[in-house]
C-alpha cells in the first residue's frame, strides 16, 4: 500500500513533461525496507489533514505516515526532481 500511494502521488501530482520517468528503488536498511519513488518534480509532498469523509482523495500521505516507521522527501542527487521515501518494517507504522 505504501508503494502504491507513493507512486500514485508521483503520477498525479508531479506534473512533469511527457517522457519524464518515475523510478522505484528498494533497499534493505537495518531490517527495514526502504522504498524510494523518484520523479522529475521538485514540488515537495504535503500531507492533507483536512480530507472530509466524502473526499475521493487526499489521504495517501496520511496512510504512508501511518504504515511507515519513517518517511520523507529529498532532492535527487542526479539533479532534477526529488525522492520520496518510506521505511517500512514488520512492526508497522511508528506514528
PDB file of N, CA and C in Angstrom:
ATOM      1  N   UNK A   1       0.819  -1.181   0.000  1.00  0.00           N
ATOM      2  CA  UNK A   1       0.000   0.000   0.000  1.00  0.00           C
ATOM      3  C   UNK A   1       0.875   1.262   0.000  1.00  0.00           C
ATOM      4  N   UNK A   2       1.981   1.239   0.756  1.00  0.00           N
ATOM      5  CA  UNK A   2       2.876   2.399   0.811  1.00  0.00           C
ATOM      6  C   UNK A   2       3.439   2.689  -0.583  1.00  0.00           C
ATOM      7  N   UNK A   3       3.905   1.657  -1.277  1.00  0.00           N
ATOM      8  CA  UNK A   3       4.433   1.845  -2.630  1.00  0.00           C
ATOM      9  C   UNK A   3       3.358   2.399  -3.551  1.00  0.00           C
ATOM     10  N   UNK A   4       2.165   1.844  -3.486  1.00  0.00           N
ATOM     11  CA  UNK A   4       1.071   2.305  -4.334  1.00  0.00           C
ATOM     12  C   UNK A   4       0.764   3.782  -4.107  1.00  0.00           C
ATOM     13  N   UNK A   5       0.717   4.203  -2.847  1.00  0.00           N
ATOM     14  CA  UNK A   5       0.421   5.607  -2.550  1.00  0.00           C
ATOM     15  C   UNK A   5       1.527   6.539  -3.050  1.00  0.00           C
ATOM     16  N   UNK A   6       2.787   6.147  -2.868  1.00  0.00           N
ATOM     17  CA  UNK A   6       3.900   7.000  -3.314  1.00  0.00           C
ATOM     18  C   UNK A   6       3.940   7.115  -4.835  1.00  0.00           C
ATOM     19  N   UNK A   7       3.717   6.006  -5.530  1.00  0.00           N
ATOM     20  CA  UNK A   7       3.712   6.056  -6.996  1.00  0.00           C
ATOM     21  C   UNK A   7       2.509   6.848  -7.497  1.00  0.00           C
ATOM     22  N   UNK A   8       1.359   6.642  -6.887  1.00  0.00           N
ATOM     23  CA  UNK A   8       0.169   7.401  -7.291  1.00  0.00           C
ATOM     24  C   UNK A   8       0.394   8.896  -7.120  1.00  0.00           C
ATOM     25  N   UNK A   9       0.999   9.304  -6.008  1.00  0.00           N
ATOM     26  CA  UNK A   9       1.293  10.727  -5.813  1.00  0.00           C
ATOM     27  C   UNK A   9       2.221  11.249  -6.895  1.00  0.00           C
ATOM     28  N   UNK A  10       3.230  10.471  -7.269  1.00  0.00           N
ATOM     29  CA  UNK A  10       4.157  10.904  -8.318  1.00  0.00           C
ATOM     30  C   UNK A  10       3.426  11.057  -9.650  1.00  0.00           C
ATOM     31  N   UNK A  11       2.559  10.125  -9.973  1.00  0.00           N
ATOM     32  CA  UNK A  11       1.827  10.183 -11.238  1.00  0.00           C
ATOM     33  C   UNK A  11       0.851  11.358 -11.249  1.00  0.00           C
ATOM     34  N   UNK A  12       0.127  11.553 -10.168  1.00  0.00           N
ATOM     35  CA  UNK A  12      -0.932  12.563 -10.125  1.00  0.00           C
ATOM     36  C   UNK A  12      -0.394  13.970  -9.878  1.00  0.00           C
ATOM     37  N   UNK A  13       0.581  14.109  -8.983  1.00  0.00           N
ATOM     38  CA  UNK A  13       0.982  15.442  -8.532  1.00  0.00           C
ATOM     39  C   UNK A  13       2.312  15.950  -9.083  1.00  0.00           C
ATOM     40  N   UNK A  14       3.156  15.087  -9.566  1.00  0.00           N
ATOM     41  CA  UNK A  14       4.469  15.533 -10.062  1.00  0.00           C
ATOM     42  C   UNK A  14       4.343  15.961 -11.517  1.00  0.00           C
ATOM     43  N   UNK A  15       3.653  17.006 -11.735  1.00  0.00           N
ATOM     44  CA  UNK A  15       3.363  17.488 -13.090  1.00  0.00           C
ATOM     45  C   UNK A  15       4.674  17.754 -13.839  1.00  0.00           C
ATOM     46  N   UNK A  16       5.066  16.764 -14.605  1.00  0.00           N
ATOM     47  CA  UNK A  16       6.333  16.850 -15.338  1.00  0.00           C
ATOM     48  C   UNK A  16       6.058  16.691 -16.820  1.00  0.00           C
ATOM     49  N   UNK A  17       7.062  17.012 -17.623  1.00  0.00           N
ATOM     50  CA  UNK A  17       6.893  16.955 -19.069  1.00  0.00           C
ATOM     51  C   UNK A  17       6.718  15.515 -19.547  1.00  0.00           C
ATOM     52  N   UNK A  18       6.010  15.332 -20.661  1.00  0.00           N
ATOM     53  CA  UNK A  18       5.848  13.986 -21.219  1.00  0.00           C
ATOM     54  C   UNK A  18       7.225  13.352 -21.477  1.00  0.00           C
ATOM     55  N   UNK A  19       7.309  12.076 -21.227  1.00  0.00           N
ATOM     56  CA  UNK A  19       8.579  11.373 -21.413  1.00  0.00           C
ATOM     57  C   UNK A  19       9.413  11.294 -20.154  1.00  0.00           C
ATOM     58  N   UNK A  20       9.086  12.114 -19.162  1.00  0.00           N
ATOM     59  CA  UNK A  20       9.799  12.023 -17.886  1.00  0.00           C
ATOM     60  C   UNK A  20       9.372  10.741 -17.197  1.00  0.00           C
ATOM     61  N   UNK A  21      10.293  10.145 -16.498  1.00  0.00           N
ATOM     62  CA  UNK A  21      10.018   8.849 -15.892  1.00  0.00           C
ATOM     63  C   UNK A  21       9.921   8.936 -14.382  1.00  0.00           C
ATOM     64  N   UNK A  22       9.198   7.981 -13.858  1.00  0.00           N
ATOM     65  CA  UNK A  22       9.129   7.771 -12.422  1.00  0.00           C
ATOM     66  C   UNK A  22       9.882   6.477 -12.167  1.00  0.00           C
ATOM     67  N   UNK A  23      10.799   6.494 -11.226  1.00  0.00           N
ATOM     68  CA  UNK A  23      11.585   5.303 -10.912  1.00  0.00           C
ATOM     69  C   UNK A  23      11.306   4.871  -9.479  1.00  0.00           C
ATOM     70  N   UNK A  24      11.365   3.566  -9.255  1.00  0.00           N
ATOM     71  CA  UNK A  24      11.159   2.994  -7.929  1.00  0.00           C
ATOM     72  C   UNK A  24      12.407   2.205  -7.562  1.00  0.00           C
ATOM     73  N   UNK A  25      12.890   2.411  -6.344  1.00  0.00           N
ATOM     74  CA  UNK A  25      14.057   1.688  -5.838  1.00  0.00           C
ATOM     75  C   UNK A  25      13.718   1.101  -4.475  1.00  0.00           C
ATOM     76  N   UNK A  26      14.313  -0.053  -4.200  1.00  0.00           N
ATOM     77  CA  UNK A  26      14.140  -0.725  -2.912  1.00  0.00           C
ATOM     78  C   UNK A  26      15.510  -1.020  -2.328  1.00  0.00           C
ATOM     79  N   UNK A  27      15.618  -0.943  -1.009  1.00  0.00           N
ATOM     80  CA  UNK A  27      16.874  -1.250  -0.328  1.00  0.00           C
ATOM     81  C   UNK A  27      16.556  -1.745   1.082  1.00  0.00           C
ATOM     82  N   UNK A  28      17.260  -2.777   1.512  1.00  0.00           N
ATOM     83  CA  UNK A  28      17.128  -3.228   2.897  1.00  0.00           C
ATOM     84  C   UNK A  28      18.073  -2.418   3.765  1.00  0.00           C
ATOM     85  N   UNK A  29      17.528  -1.829   4.828  1.00  0.00           N
ATOM     86  CA  UNK A  29      18.303  -0.993   5.739  1.00  0.00           C
ATOM     87  C   UNK A  29      17.984  -1.427   7.168  1.00  0.00           C
ATOM     88  N   UNK A  30      18.944  -2.054   7.822  1.00  0.00           N
ATOM     89  CA  UNK A  30      18.794  -2.460   9.226  1.00  0.00           C
ATOM     90  C   UNK A  30      17.481  -3.200   9.504  1.00  0.00           C
ATOM     91  N   UNK A  31      17.144  -4.164   8.662  1.00  0.00           N
ATOM     92  CA  UNK A  31      15.947  -4.956   8.869  1.00  0.00           C
ATOM     93  C   UNK A  31      14.660  -4.301   8.401  1.00  0.00           C
ATOM     94  N   UNK A  32      14.754  -3.163   7.757  1.00  0.00           N
ATOM     95  CA  UNK A  32      13.585  -2.464   7.226  1.00  0.00           C
ATOM     96  C   UNK A  32      13.733  -2.328   5.712  1.00  0.00           C
ATOM     97  N   UNK A  33      12.620  -2.211   5.026  1.00  0.00           N
ATOM     98  CA  UNK A  33      12.626  -1.982   3.590  1.00  0.00           C
ATOM     99  C   UNK A  33      12.472  -0.491   3.328  1.00  0.00           C
ATOM    100  N   UNK A  34      13.447   0.067   2.622  1.00  0.00           N
ATOM    101  CA  UNK A  34      13.364   1.473   2.214  1.00  0.00           C
ATOM    102  C   UNK A  34      12.808   1.496   0.796  1.00  0.00           C
ATOM    103  N   UNK A  35      11.671   2.146   0.644  1.00  0.00           N
ATOM    104  CA  UNK A  35      11.019   2.296  -0.653  1.00  0.00           C
ATOM    105  C   UNK A  35      11.260   3.727  -1.104  1.00  0.00           C
ATOM    106  N   UNK A  36      11.783   3.883  -2.322  1.00  0.00           N
ATOM    107  CA  UNK A  36      12.013   5.221  -2.877  1.00  0.00           C
ATOM    108  C   UNK A  36      11.257   5.363  -4.188  1.00  0.00           C
ATOM    109  N   UNK A  37      10.609   6.509  -4.366  1.00  0.00           N
ATOM    110  CA  UNK A  37       9.983   6.854  -5.632  1.00  0.00           C
ATOM    111  C   UNK A  37      10.626   8.151  -6.111  1.00  0.00           C
ATOM    112  N   UNK A  38      11.253   8.081  -7.277  1.00  0.00           N
ATOM    113  CA  UNK A  38      11.953   9.226  -7.858  1.00  0.00           C
ATOM    114  C   UNK A  38      11.079   9.821  -8.954  1.00  0.00           C
ATOM    115  N   UNK A  39      10.962  11.148  -8.975  1.00  0.00           N
ATOM    116  CA  UNK A  39      10.264  11.807 -10.076  1.00  0.00           C
ATOM    117  C   UNK A  39      10.984  13.101 -10.425  1.00  0.00           C
ATOM    118  N   UNK A  40      10.575  13.722 -11.514  1.00  0.00           N
ATOM    119  CA  UNK A  40      11.273  14.896 -12.033  1.00  0.00           C
ATOM    120  C   UNK A  40      10.730  16.213 -11.503  1.00  0.00           C
ATOM    121  N   UNK A  41       9.802  16.174 -10.565  1.00  0.00           N
ATOM    122  CA  UNK A  41       9.251  17.401  -9.993  1.00  0.00           C
ATOM    123  C   UNK A  41      10.005  17.755  -8.715  1.00  0.00           C
ATOM    124  N   UNK A  42      10.234  19.033  -8.502  1.00  0.00           N
ATOM    125  CA  UNK A  42      10.876  19.462  -7.258  1.00  0.00           C
ATOM    126  C   UNK A  42       9.852  19.823  -6.184  1.00  0.00           C
ATOM    127  N   UNK A  43       8.570  19.737  -6.518  1.00  0.00           N
ATOM    128  CA  UNK A  43       7.500  20.067  -5.568  1.00  0.00           C
ATOM    129  C   UNK A  43       7.435  19.002  -4.466  1.00  0.00           C
ATOM    130  N   UNK A  44       7.574  19.449  -3.218  1.00  0.00           N
ATOM    131  CA  UNK A  44       7.562  18.518  -2.089  1.00  0.00           C
ATOM    132  C   UNK A  44       6.134  18.087  -1.751  1.00  0.00           C
ATOM    133  N   UNK A  45       5.967  16.846  -1.322  1.00  0.00           N
ATOM    134  CA  UNK A  45       4.634  16.381  -0.946  1.00  0.00           C
ATOM    135  C   UNK A  45       4.168  17.023   0.359  1.00  0.00           C
ATOM    136  N   UNK A  46       2.879  17.227   0.463  1.00  0.00           N
ATOM    137  CA  UNK A  46       2.288  17.837   1.648  1.00  0.00           C
ATOM    138  C   UNK A  46       1.129  16.962   2.113  1.00  0.00           C
ATOM    139  N   UNK A  47       1.103  16.648   3.393  1.00  0.00           N
ATOM    140  CA  UNK A  47       0.012  15.860   3.944  1.00  0.00           C
ATOM    141  C   UNK A  47      -1.224  16.744   4.081  1.00  0.00           C
ATOM    142  N   UNK A  48      -2.330  16.287   3.522  1.00  0.00           N
ATOM    143  CA  UNK A  48      -3.613  16.972   3.694  1.00  0.00           C
ATOM    144  C   UNK A  48      -4.283  16.403   4.919  1.00  0.00           C
ATOM    145  N   UNK A  49      -4.407  17.180   5.948  1.00  0.00           N
ATOM    146  CA  UNK A  49      -5.013  16.705   7.194  1.00  0.00           C
ATOM    147  C   UNK A  49      -6.505  17.021   7.259  1.00  0.00           C
ATOM    148  N   UNK A  50      -7.041  17.613   6.186  1.00  0.00           N
ATOM    149  CA  UNK A  50      -8.429  18.065   6.244  1.00  0.00           C
ATOM    150  C   UNK A  50      -9.339  17.330   5.266  1.00  0.00           C
ATOM    151  N   UNK A  51      -8.963  16.124   4.823  1.00  0.00           N
ATOM    152  CA  UNK A  51      -9.841  15.394   3.914  1.00  0.00           C
ATOM    153  C   UNK A  51     -11.134  15.028   4.643  1.00  0.00           C
ATOM    154  N   UNK A  52     -12.248  15.349   4.015  1.00  0.00           N
ATOM    155  CA  UNK A  52     -13.541  15.022   4.629  1.00  0.00           C
ATOM    156  C   UNK A  52     -13.924  13.594   4.244  1.00  0.00           C
ATOM    157  N   UNK A  53     -14.871  13.007   4.951  1.00  0.00           N
ATOM    158  CA  UNK A  53     -15.292  11.637   4.637  1.00  0.00           C
ATOM    159  C   UNK A  53     -15.783  11.472   3.197  1.00  0.00           C
ATOM    160  N   UNK A  54     -16.257  12.550   2.581  1.00  0.00           N
ATOM    161  CA  UNK A  54     -16.777  12.473   1.216  1.00  0.00           C
ATOM    162  C   UNK A  54     -15.707  12.679   0.149  1.00  0.00           C
ATOM    163  N   UNK A  55     -14.500  13.130   0.523  1.00  0.00           N
ATOM    164  CA  UNK A  55     -13.433  13.346  -0.450  1.00  0.00           C
ATOM    165  C   UNK A  55     -12.973  12.012  -1.030  1.00  0.00           C
ATOM    166  N   UNK A  56     -12.735  11.994  -2.342  1.00  0.00           N
ATOM    167  CA  UNK A  56     -12.279  10.779  -3.010  1.00  0.00           C
ATOM    168  C   UNK A  56     -10.766  10.620  -2.957  1.00  0.00           C
ATOM    169  N   UNK A  57     -10.067  11.651  -2.544  1.00  0.00           N
ATOM    170  CA  UNK A  57      -8.610  11.582  -2.465  1.00  0.00           C
ATOM    171  C   UNK A  57      -8.133  12.458  -1.309  1.00  0.00           C
ATOM    172  N   UNK A  58      -6.813  12.481  -1.099  1.00  0.00           N
ATOM    173  CA  UNK A  58      -6.266  13.358  -0.072  1.00  0.00           C
ATOM    174  C   UNK A  58      -5.804  12.650   1.180  1.00  0.00           C
ATOM    175  N   UNK A  59      -5.839  11.321   1.171  1.00  0.00           N
ATOM    176  CA  UNK A  59      -5.437  10.581   2.368  1.00  0.00           C
ATOM    177  C   UNK A  59      -4.166   9.772   2.179  1.00  0.00           C
ATOM    178  N   UNK A  60      -3.592   9.794   0.984  1.00  0.00           N
ATOM    179  CA  UNK A  60      -2.450   8.944   0.654  1.00  0.00           C
ATOM    180  C   UNK A  60      -1.259   9.098   1.574  1.00  0.00           C
ATOM    181  N   UNK A  61      -0.822  10.318   1.810  1.00  0.00           N
ATOM    182  CA  UNK A  61       0.343  10.514   2.675  1.00  0.00           C
ATOM    183  C   UNK A  61       0.018  10.247   4.135  1.00  0.00           C
ATOM    184  N   UNK A  62      -1.224  10.401   4.521  1.00  0.00           N
ATOM    185  CA  UNK A  62      -1.616  10.004   5.885  1.00  0.00           C
ATOM    186  C   UNK A  62      -1.462   8.495   6.041  1.00  0.00           C
ATOM    187  N   UNK A  63      -1.814   7.742   5.005  1.00  0.00           N
ATOM    188  CA  UNK A  63      -1.623   6.292   5.034  1.00  0.00           C
ATOM    189  C   UNK A  63      -0.146   5.941   5.069  1.00  0.00           C
ATOM    190  N   UNK A  64       0.650   6.630   4.247  1.00  0.00           N
ATOM    191  CA  UNK A  64       2.098   6.389   4.240  1.00  0.00           C
ATOM    192  C   UNK A  64       2.660   6.651   5.636  1.00  0.00           C
ATOM    193  N   UNK A  65       2.269   7.743   6.238  1.00  0.00           N
ATOM    194  CA  UNK A  65       2.744   8.088   7.575  1.00  0.00           C
ATOM    195  C   UNK A  65       2.327   7.037   8.607  1.00  0.00           C
ATOM    196  N   UNK A  66       1.099   6.552   8.513  1.00  0.00           N
ATOM    197  CA  UNK A  66       0.592   5.582   9.487  1.00  0.00           C
ATOM    198  C   UNK A  66       1.236   4.205   9.323  1.00  0.00           C
ATOM    199  N   UNK A  67       1.578   3.833   8.101  1.00  0.00           N
ATOM    200  CA  UNK A  67       2.100   2.494   7.831  1.00  0.00           C
ATOM    201  C   UNK A  67       3.620   2.409   7.826  1.00  0.00           C
ATOM    202  N   UNK A  68       4.291   3.550   7.872  1.00  0.00           N
ATOM    203  CA  UNK A  68       5.751   3.584   7.793  1.00  0.00           C
ATOM    204  C   UNK A  68       6.376   3.858   9.153  1.00  0.00           C
ATOM    205  N   UNK A  69       7.576   3.343   9.336  1.00  0.00           N
ATOM    206  CA  UNK A  69       8.352   3.673  10.521  1.00  0.00           C
ATOM    207  C   UNK A  69       8.784   5.132  10.425  1.00  0.00           C
ATOM    208  N   UNK A  70       9.096   5.538   9.205  1.00  0.00           N
ATOM    209  CA  UNK A  70       9.549   6.909   8.926  1.00  0.00           C
ATOM    210  C   UNK A  70       9.372   7.144   7.437  1.00  0.00           C
ATOM    211  N   UNK A  71       9.188   8.401   7.032  1.00  0.00           N
ATOM    212  CA  UNK A  71       9.145   8.736   5.614  1.00  0.00           C
ATOM    213  C   UNK A  71       9.633  10.158   5.428  1.00  0.00           C
ATOM    214  N   UNK A  72       9.977  10.515   4.204  1.00  0.00           N
ATOM    215  CA  UNK A  72      10.440  11.865   3.949  1.00  0.00           C
ATOM    216  C   UNK A  72      10.662  12.127   2.478  1.00  0.00           C
ATOM    217  N   UNK A  73      11.264  13.260   2.197  1.00  0.00           N
ATOM    218  CA  UNK A  73      11.498  13.711   0.830  1.00  0.00           C
ATOM    219  C   UNK A  73      12.873  14.358   0.767  1.00  0.00           C
ATOM    220  N   UNK A  74      13.575  14.148  -0.340  1.00  0.00           N
ATOM    221  CA  UNK A  74      14.904  14.741  -0.518  1.00  0.00           C
ATOM    222  C   UNK A  74      15.108  15.050  -1.996  1.00  0.00           C
ATOM    223  N   UNK A  75      15.930  16.057  -2.296  1.00  0.00           N
ATOM    224  CA  UNK A  75      16.259  16.321  -3.702  1.00  0.00           C
ATOM    225  C   UNK A  75      17.042  15.148  -4.283  1.00  0.00           C
ATOM    226  N   UNK A  76      16.891  14.908  -5.567  1.00  0.00           N
ATOM    227  CA  UNK A  76      17.674  13.867  -6.234  1.00  0.00           C
ATOM    228  C   UNK A  76      19.101  14.346  -6.413  1.00  0.00           C
ATOM    229  N   UNK A  77      20.047  13.507  -6.116  1.00  0.00           N
ATOM    230  CA  UNK A  77      21.460  13.864  -6.280  1.00  0.00           C
ATOM    231  C   UNK A  77      21.823  14.015  -7.751  1.00  0.00           C
ATOM    232  N   UNK A  78      21.067  13.341  -8.613  1.00  0.00           N
ATOM    233  CA  UNK A  78      21.330  13.399 -10.051  1.00  0.00           C
ATOM    234  C   UNK A  78      20.917  14.728 -10.664  1.00  0.00           C
ATOM    235  N   UNK A  79      20.301  15.607  -9.884  1.00  0.00           N
ATOM    236  CA  UNK A  79      19.914  16.911 -10.413  1.00  0.00           C
ATOM    237  C   UNK A  79      18.442  17.189 -10.262  1.00  0.00           C
ATOM    238  N   UNK A  80      17.694  17.008 -11.335  1.00  0.00           N
ATOM    239  CA  UNK A  80      16.290  17.400 -11.389  1.00  0.00           C
ATOM    240  C   UNK A  80      15.412  16.447 -10.586  1.00  0.00           C
ATOM    241  N   UNK A  81      14.486  17.009  -9.823  1.00  0.00           N
ATOM    242  CA  UNK A  81      13.466  16.206  -9.173  1.00  0.00           C
ATOM    243  C   UNK A  81      13.734  15.904  -7.717  1.00  0.00           C
ATOM    244  N   UNK A  82      12.985  14.904  -7.235  1.00  0.00           N
ATOM    245  CA  UNK A  82      13.037  14.555  -5.819  1.00  0.00           C
ATOM    246  C   UNK A  82      12.895  13.056  -5.638  1.00  0.00           C
ATOM    247  N   UNK A  83      13.159  12.631  -4.405  1.00  0.00           N
ATOM    248  CA  UNK A  83      12.928  11.261  -3.969  1.00  0.00           C
ATOM    249  C   UNK A  83      11.983  11.339  -2.774  1.00  0.00           C
ATOM    250  N   UNK A  84      10.882  10.626  -2.855  1.00  0.00           N
ATOM    251  CA  UNK A  84      10.013  10.470  -1.693  1.00  0.00           C
ATOM    252  C   UNK A  84      10.236   9.039  -1.225  1.00  0.00           C
ATOM    253  N   UNK A  85      10.549   8.890   0.053  1.00  0.00           N
ATOM    254  CA  UNK A  85      10.931   7.570   0.556  1.00  0.00           C
ATOM    255  C   UNK A  85      10.131   7.224   1.801  1.00  0.00           C
ATOM    256  N   UNK A  86      10.043   5.926   2.043  1.00  0.00           N
ATOM    257  CA  UNK A  86       9.392   5.428   3.254  1.00  0.00           C
ATOM    258  C   UNK A  86      10.155   4.210   3.734  1.00  0.00           C
ATOM    259  N   UNK A  87      10.272   4.099   5.028  1.00  0.00           N
ATOM    260  CA  UNK A  87      10.932   2.972   5.669  1.00  0.00           C
ATOM    261  C   UNK A  87       9.842   2.133   6.318  1.00  0.00           C
ATOM    262  N   UNK A  88       9.697   0.886   5.871  1.00  0.00           N
ATOM    263  CA  UNK A  88       8.651   0.017   6.415  1.00  0.00           C
ATOM    264  C   UNK A  88       9.288  -1.219   7.021  1.00  0.00           C
ATOM    265  N   UNK A  89       8.632  -1.768   8.016  1.00  0.00           N
ATOM    266  CA  UNK A  89       9.152  -2.940   8.689  1.00  0.00           C
ATOM    267  C   UNK A  89       8.045  -3.793   9.257  1.00  0.00           C
ATOM    268  N   UNK A  90       8.422  -4.914   9.822  1.00  0.00           N
ATOM    269  CA  UNK A  90       7.419  -5.838  10.351  1.00  0.00           C
ATOM    270  C   UNK A  90       6.595  -5.268  11.506  1.00  0.00           C
ATOM    271  N   UNK A  91       7.135  -4.257  12.193  1.00  0.00           N
ATOM    272  CA  UNK A  91       6.404  -3.686  13.321  1.00  0.00           C
ATOM    273  C   UNK A  91       5.322  -2.704  12.879  1.00  0.00           C
ATOM    274  N   UNK A  92       5.255  -2.390  11.587  1.00  0.00           N
ATOM    275  CA  UNK A  92       4.240  -1.460  11.102  1.00  0.00           C
ATOM    276  C   UNK A  92       4.644  -0.021  11.321  1.00  0.00           C
ATOM    277  N   UNK A  93       3.679   0.864  11.270  1.00  0.00           N
ATOM    278  CA  UNK A  93       3.940   2.295  11.415  1.00  0.00           C
ATOM    279  C   UNK A  93       4.368   2.685  12.811  1.00  0.00           C
ATOM    280  N   UNK A  94       5.199   3.704  12.869  1.00  0.00           N
ATOM    281  CA  UNK A  94       5.705   4.154  14.146  1.00  0.00           C
ATOM    282  C   UNK A  94       5.039   5.404  14.657  1.00  0.00           C
ATOM    283  N   UNK A  95       4.054   5.902  13.956  1.00  0.00           N
ATOM    284  CA  UNK A  95       3.446   7.181  14.331  1.00  0.00           C
ATOM    285  C   UNK A  95       2.033   7.011  14.762  1.00  0.00           C
TER     286      UNK A  95
END
